Amino acid sequence: MGRPERALRPVRAFMTQACLAAPTGRPLAHAARRVVVKVGTAVLAGAGGAVAPARLNAFVAALVGLQQAGREVLLVSSGAVRLGVERLGLDGRPAEHAAARACAAVGQGRLMACYMDACERLGVEAAQLLLTGADFAEPSLSELRATLATLLARGVLPVINENDAVSARAGGPDEARRREGFGDNDGLAGLLAARMGAGLLLILTDVPGLLTADPRAGSTGRLIPLVRRVTARHERAAGGARLGRGGMRSKLEAARTATDAGCAVVVADGRDPGIIGRVCGGESIGTLFLPRPPAGRRDG
């Protein structure tokens, strides 16, 4: 298992060179060989709030397209709690912690079944990984790297989620969530991109990217196409969540984690059917967060 683990490391140096050669950053998305894609609940949901199979299938087809183009893809997917809420016939996400965890336990299997069915139609295997903050500390981190490297080498699509059934995040307070190591699936995606040597983290949401004002608060904001470093101004512009838990503020935290490790980040509108191909093709769409060269920084 040692060889697959070492295989996760060379991409970082390659992407750092690309960063230095392309200060505007858009070639970074085109050049990234290992891509972490995070999809939010609002992207997978239809007009009524339920997870829409057609959207999920089209999303998986785009990910498989990346694989067929020679990229390594890791998927972080929300939606388990929402599916559990639907299955249990509840009106909305429970406020009580144990009930929210129960929804996650019911919904996680259904979410994975959707991904496995979509992958099977395209001749691709999917694998489920449920993680907590402890999995990003040694010795678990080395085992996680080795497992993911093996899956990627075999062309498997890893579908990764926080283990909500046991996590403090599933309805828990912010302080408990921080103690877990990441606050939500945005945080998980940022940490995964940083620790697994990804060249690009693509966060798909239901807004065009980071805006100058929060559209959910009734404001009309302009897209911020490029962020060289997250500042207090960007944090003030970030708004809250709607269907999911994260909101733009958690996406900024994920971007900070990934870019500090030398990974480019794009936040874009996942409701655009062609968004994955457009971003990974180098098109200037969404908000790009430039990576910071991780001089002297090492994984783990």
Protein backbone atom coordinates (compact mmCIF):
# COMPACT_ATOMS: atom_id res chain seq x y z
CA MET A 1 0.00 0.00 0.00
CA GLY A 2 3.02 2.32 0.26
CA ARG A 3 3.29 2.97 -3.47
CA PRO A 4 -0.29 4.30 -3.91
CA GLU A 5 0.23 6.62 -0.94
CA ARG A 6 3.37 8.13 -2.50
CA ALA A 7 1.46 8.59 -5.75
CA LEU A 8 -0.66 11.29 -4.11
CA ARG A 9 2.27 13.67 -3.69
CA PRO A 10 3.79 14.74 -7.06
CA VAL A 11 0.72 16.67 -8.26
CA ARG A 12 1.30 19.44 -5.71
CA ALA A 13 4.70 20.43 -7.14
CA PHE A 14 3.33 20.33 -10.69
CA MET A 15 0.46 22.66 -9.79
CA THR A 16 2.75 25.06 -7.93
CA GLN A 17 4.81 25.49 -11.10
CA ALA A 18 1.60 26.08 -13.07
CA CYS A 19 0.62 28.76 -10.55
CA LEU A 20 3.88 30.61 -11.02
CA ALA A 21 3.56 30.40 -14.80
CA ALA A 22 -0.10 31.52 -14.89
CA PRO A 23 -0.77 34.34 -12.42
CA THR A 24 -4.35 34.85 -13.64
CA GLY A 25 -5.03 31.29 -12.52
CA ARG A 26 -7.53 30.03 -15.10
CA PRO A 27 -4.99 27.60 -16.65
CA LEU A 28 -4.74 26.01 -13.21
CA ALA A 29 -8.19 24.46 -13.53
CA HIS A 30 -7.37 23.18 -16.99
CA ALA A 31 -4.05 21.70 -15.84
CA ALA A 32 -5.27 20.06 -12.62
CA ARG A 33 -4.88 16.30 -12.78
CA ARG A 34 -6.47 15.53 -9.41
CA VAL A 35 -9.79 17.29 -8.78
CA VAL A 36 -11.99 17.35 -5.68
CA VAL A 37 -15.59 18.24 -6.52
CA LYS A 38 -18.00 19.19 -3.76
CA VAL A 39 -21.72 19.29 -4.58
CA GLY A 40 -24.22 20.87 -2.23
CA THR A 41 -27.75 19.78 -1.43
CA ALA A 42 -29.22 22.78 -3.25
CA VAL A 43 -27.49 21.69 -6.48
CA LEU A 44 -28.88 18.15 -6.37
CA ALA A 45 -32.40 19.27 -5.39
CA GLY A 46 -35.20 20.07 -7.78
CA ALA A 47 -37.71 22.90 -7.46
CA GLY A 48 -39.53 21.24 -4.56
CA GLY A 49 -36.37 20.63 -2.56
CA ALA A 50 -36.19 16.87 -3.21
CA VAL A 51 -33.07 15.33 -4.72
CA ALA A 52 -33.66 15.18 -8.49
CA PRO A 53 -32.38 11.94 -10.13
CA ALA A 54 -31.91 13.64 -13.52
CA ARG A 55 -29.63 16.26 -12.00
CA LEU A 56 -27.62 13.67 -10.12
CA ASN A 57 -27.23 11.48 -13.21
CA ALA A 58 -26.05 14.40 -15.35
CA PHE A 59 -23.64 15.41 -12.61
CA VAL A 60 -22.14 11.92 -12.44
CA ALA A 61 -21.82 11.80 -16.24
CA ALA A 62 -19.75 14.99 -16.11
CA LEU A 63 -17.47 13.51 -13.44
CA VAL A 64 -16.99 10.34 -15.46
CA GLY A 65 -16.13 12.56 -18.41
CA LEU A 66 -13.30 14.04 -16.35
CA GLN A 67 -12.07 10.54 -15.54
CA GLN A 68 -12.13 9.56 -19.19
CA ALA A 69 -10.07 12.67 -19.97
CA GLY A 70 -7.34 11.39 -17.64
CA ARG A 71 -8.23 13.21 -14.43
CA GLU A 72 -8.50 11.73 -10.95
CA VAL A 73 -11.79 12.74 -9.34
CA LEU A 74 -12.85 12.70 -5.70
CA LEU A 75 -16.46 13.62 -4.97
CA VAL A 76 -17.71 15.14 -1.72
CA SER A 77 -21.49 15.04 -1.75
CA SER A 78 -24.11 16.47 0.56
CA GLY A 79 -27.71 15.34 0.43
CA ALA A 80 -27.89 12.41 2.87
CA VAL A 81 -29.79 14.26 5.59
CA ARG A 82 -32.20 15.67 3.02
CA LEU A 83 -32.92 12.20 1.63
CA GLY A 84 -33.47 10.91 5.15
CA VAL A 85 -35.91 13.73 5.87
CA GLU A 86 -37.86 12.80 2.73
CA ARG A 87 -37.84 9.07 3.50
CA LEU A 88 -39.02 9.56 7.08
CA GLY A 89 -41.80 11.91 5.96
CA LEU A 90 -40.60 14.89 8.00
CA ASP A 91 -41.44 18.51 7.21
CA GLY A 92 -37.83 19.63 7.42
CA ARG A 93 -34.44 19.03 8.98
CA PRO A 94 -34.88 18.20 12.69
CA ALA A 95 -33.38 20.57 15.22
CA GLU A 96 -32.77 17.74 17.69
CA HIS A 97 -29.29 16.24 17.27
CA ALA A 98 -30.17 12.56 17.44
CA ALA A 99 -33.04 13.00 14.98
CA ALA A 100 -30.74 14.75 12.49
CA ARG A 101 -28.22 11.91 12.83
CA ALA A 102 -31.01 9.40 12.27
CA CYS A 103 -31.97 11.21 9.05
CA ALA A 104 -28.35 10.99 7.94
CA ALA A 105 -28.23 7.27 8.69
CA VAL A 106 -31.38 6.64 6.63
CA GLY A 107 -30.39 8.97 3.80
CA GLN A 108 -26.75 8.00 3.38
CA GLY A 109 -27.53 4.57 1.99
CA ARG A 110 -30.11 6.02 -0.39
CA LEU A 111 -27.70 8.71 -1.56
CA MET A 112 -25.00 6.13 -2.23
CA ALA A 113 -27.48 3.92 -4.09
CA CYS A 114 -28.25 6.85 -6.40
CA TYR A 115 -24.56 7.36 -7.12
CA MET A 116 -23.90 3.66 -7.63
CA ASP A 117 -26.80 3.35 -10.06
CA ALA A 118 -25.64 6.39 -12.03
CA CYS A 119 -22.07 5.10 -12.17
CA GLU A 120 -23.15 1.59 -13.15
CA ARG A 121 -24.98 2.96 -16.19
CA LEU A 122 -21.68 4.47 -17.33
CA GLY A 123 -19.54 1.41 -16.58
CA VAL A 124 -17.79 2.96 -13.58
CA GLU A 125 -17.51 1.70 -10.01
CA ALA A 126 -18.29 3.97 -7.06
CA ALA A 127 -16.93 3.65 -3.52
CA GLN A 128 -18.29 5.15 -0.32
CA LEU A 129 -16.10 6.75 2.35
CA LEU A 130 -17.62 8.26 5.51
CA LEU A 131 -15.11 10.37 7.40
CA THR A 132 -14.72 12.33 10.62
CA GLY A 133 -12.05 14.78 11.70
CA ALA A 134 -10.08 11.96 13.35
CA ASP A 135 -9.45 10.42 9.93
CA PHE A 136 -7.24 13.39 9.01
CA ALA A 137 -4.80 12.71 11.85
CA GLU A 138 -2.13 10.03 11.84
CA PRO A 139 -2.13 7.08 11.64
CA SER A 140 -5.56 7.21 9.94
CA LEU A 141 -4.44 9.87 7.45
CA SER A 142 -1.80 7.60 5.89
CA GLU A 143 -4.34 4.80 5.54
CA LEU A 144 -6.87 7.18 3.99
CA ARG A 145 -4.29 8.36 1.46
CA ALA A 146 -3.37 4.80 0.55
CA THR A 147 -7.01 3.76 0.14
CA LEU A 148 -7.86 6.73 -2.05
CA ALA A 149 -4.75 6.29 -4.18
CA THR A 150 -5.69 2.67 -4.81
CA LEU A 151 -9.27 3.57 -5.74
CA LEU A 152 -8.12 6.31 -8.10
CA ALA A 153 -5.56 4.02 -9.74
CA ARG A 154 -8.39 1.58 -10.50
CA GLY A 155 -10.66 4.25 -11.99
CA VAL A 156 -13.16 4.12 -9.13
CA LEU A 157 -15.15 7.25 -8.22
CA PRO A 158 -14.84 7.84 -4.44
CA VAL A 159 -18.03 9.35 -3.00
CA ILE A 160 -17.06 10.99 0.28
CA ASN A 161 -19.21 12.44 3.03
CA GLU A 162 -18.86 13.39 6.65
CA ASN A 163 -20.10 10.55 8.85
CA ASP A 164 -23.15 12.49 10.00
CA ALA A 165 -24.62 9.54 11.90
CA VAL A 166 -21.90 9.90 14.58
CA SER A 167 -20.61 13.41 13.94
CA ALA A 168 -21.21 16.38 16.21
CA ARG A 169 -22.03 18.37 13.06
CA ALA A 170 -25.39 16.70 12.49
CA GLY A 171 -27.40 19.39 14.25
CA GLY A 172 -24.66 20.15 16.76
CA PRO A 173 -23.42 23.59 17.82
CA ASP A 174 -20.60 25.32 15.97
CA GLU A 175 -18.06 24.70 18.74
CA ALA A 176 -18.69 20.95 18.69
CA ARG A 177 -18.46 21.01 14.90
CA ARG A 178 -15.07 22.74 15.03
CA ARG A 179 -13.75 20.13 17.45
CA GLU A 180 -14.52 17.47 14.86
CA GLY A 181 -11.88 18.96 12.54
CA PHE A 182 -14.25 20.39 9.90
CA GLY A 183 -17.59 22.11 10.25
CA ASP A 184 -19.48 20.65 7.29
CA ASN A 185 -18.95 19.09 3.87
CA ASP A 186 -17.41 22.32 2.58
CA GLY A 187 -14.81 22.03 5.31
CA LEU A 188 -14.37 18.34 4.55
CA ALA A 189 -13.79 19.13 0.86
CA GLY A 190 -11.22 21.81 1.68
CA LEU A 191 -9.34 19.51 4.04
CA LEU A 192 -9.51 16.62 1.58
CA ALA A 193 -8.10 18.77 -1.24
CA ALA A 194 -5.31 20.00 1.03
CA ARG A 195 -4.32 16.59 2.41
CA MET A 196 -4.70 14.57 -0.78
CA GLY A 197 -2.59 16.77 -3.04
CA ALA A 198 -5.41 17.99 -5.31
CA GLY A 199 -4.71 20.59 -7.95
CA LEU A 200 -8.28 21.91 -8.00
CA LEU A 201 -11.18 22.05 -5.57
CA LEU A 202 -14.45 22.79 -7.37
CA ILE A 203 -17.29 23.77 -5.01
CA LEU A 204 -20.68 23.70 -6.71
CA THR A 205 -23.48 25.71 -5.15
CA ASP A 206 -26.67 27.52 -6.19
CA VAL A 207 -25.17 30.97 -6.77
CA PRO A 208 -22.73 32.10 -9.51
CA GLY A 209 -19.82 32.32 -7.06
CA LEU A 210 -18.70 34.77 -4.40
CA LEU A 211 -20.70 37.97 -4.81
CA THR A 212 -20.17 41.47 -3.44
CA ALA A 213 -23.45 41.14 -1.49
CA ASP A 214 -25.60 38.26 -0.30
CA PRO A 215 -28.40 37.65 -2.85
CA ARG A 216 -30.40 35.64 -0.29
CA ALA A 217 -30.65 38.79 1.85
CA GLY A 218 -32.32 40.64 -1.03
CA SER A 219 -29.16 42.40 -2.15
CA THR A 220 -27.95 42.68 -5.73
CA GLY A 221 -24.33 41.64 -5.78
CA ARG A 222 -21.73 41.45 -8.52
CA LEU A 223 -19.59 38.37 -9.08
CA ILE A 224 -16.07 38.56 -7.70
CA PRO A 225 -14.18 36.61 -10.40
CA LEU A 226 -10.79 36.38 -8.69
CA VAL A 227 -9.66 36.20 -5.07
CA ARG A 228 -5.94 36.26 -4.41
CA ARG A 229 -6.42 35.97 -0.67
CA VAL A 230 -9.55 35.78 1.50
CA THR A 231 -9.99 39.00 3.46
CA ALA A 232 -12.50 40.49 5.88
CA ARG A 233 -14.19 42.17 2.91
CA HIS A 234 -14.92 38.78 1.37
CA GLU A 235 -16.19 37.43 4.68
CA ARG A 236 -18.61 40.34 5.04
CA ALA A 237 -19.99 39.62 1.57
CA ALA A 238 -20.63 35.95 2.38
CA GLY A 239 -24.17 34.92 3.31
CA GLY A 240 -25.89 31.98 4.98
CA ALA A 241 -27.20 28.63 3.83
CA ARG A 242 -30.61 27.67 2.51
CA LEU A 243 -31.15 23.94 1.89
CA GLY A 244 -27.79 22.81 3.13
CA ARG A 245 -25.73 23.74 6.17
CA GLY A 246 -22.67 25.45 4.76
CA GLY A 247 -23.41 28.76 3.07
CA MET A 248 -20.80 30.95 1.43
CA ARG A 249 -18.94 31.63 4.64
CA SER A 250 -18.01 27.96 5.05
CA LYS A 251 -16.94 27.90 1.39
CA LEU A 252 -14.52 30.73 2.12
CA GLU A 253 -13.06 28.70 4.98
CA ALA A 254 -12.71 25.69 2.69
CA ALA A 255 -11.03 27.88 0.06
CA ARG A 256 -8.60 29.20 2.65
CA THR A 257 -7.68 25.68 3.77
CA ALA A 258 -7.13 24.42 0.22
CA THR A 259 -5.30 27.47 -1.16
CA ASP A 260 -2.96 27.57 1.84
CA ALA A 261 -1.91 24.05 0.79
CA GLY A 262 -1.29 25.08 -2.83
CA CYS A 263 -4.62 24.00 -4.35
CA ALA A 264 -6.68 26.26 -6.65
CA VAL A 265 -10.36 26.64 -5.75
CA VAL A 266 -13.35 27.56 -7.91
CA VAL A 267 -16.80 28.27 -6.49
CA ALA A 268 -19.43 28.13 -9.24
CA ASP A 269 -23.11 27.58 -9.98
CA GLY A 270 -23.74 23.85 -10.08
CA ARG A 271 -27.16 24.30 -11.65
CA ASP A 272 -25.44 24.96 -14.99
CA PRO A 273 -25.45 21.52 -16.69
CA GLY A 274 -22.06 22.14 -18.32
CA ILE A 275 -20.34 23.77 -15.37
CA ILE A 276 -17.86 20.98 -14.60
CA GLY A 277 -16.53 20.82 -18.15
CA ARG A 278 -16.43 24.60 -18.45
CA VAL A 279 -14.46 25.11 -15.24
CA CYS A 280 -12.05 22.24 -15.87
CA GLY A 281 -11.62 23.43 -19.44
CA GLY A 282 -10.16 26.68 -18.12
CA GLU A 283 -13.13 28.95 -18.76
CA SER A 284 -13.36 32.06 -16.60
CA ILE A 285 -16.57 31.26 -14.77
CA GLY A 286 -17.42 31.44 -11.09
CA THR A 287 -14.94 32.71 -8.51
CA LEU A 288 -11.35 31.52 -8.63
CA PHE A 289 -9.29 31.49 -5.42
CA LEU A 290 -5.61 31.46 -6.28
CA PRO A 291 -3.39 28.93 -4.50
CA ARG A 292 -0.54 30.09 -2.33
CA PRO A 293 2.74 28.30 -3.10
CA PRO A 294 3.19 25.99 -0.08
CA ALA A 295 6.93 26.59 0.40
CA GLY A 296 8.20 24.39 3.19
CA ARG A 297 4.69 23.01 3.78
CA ARG A 298 4.09 19.27 3.83
CA ASP A 299 0.94 17.17 4.04
CA GLY A 300 -0.29 15.69 7.29
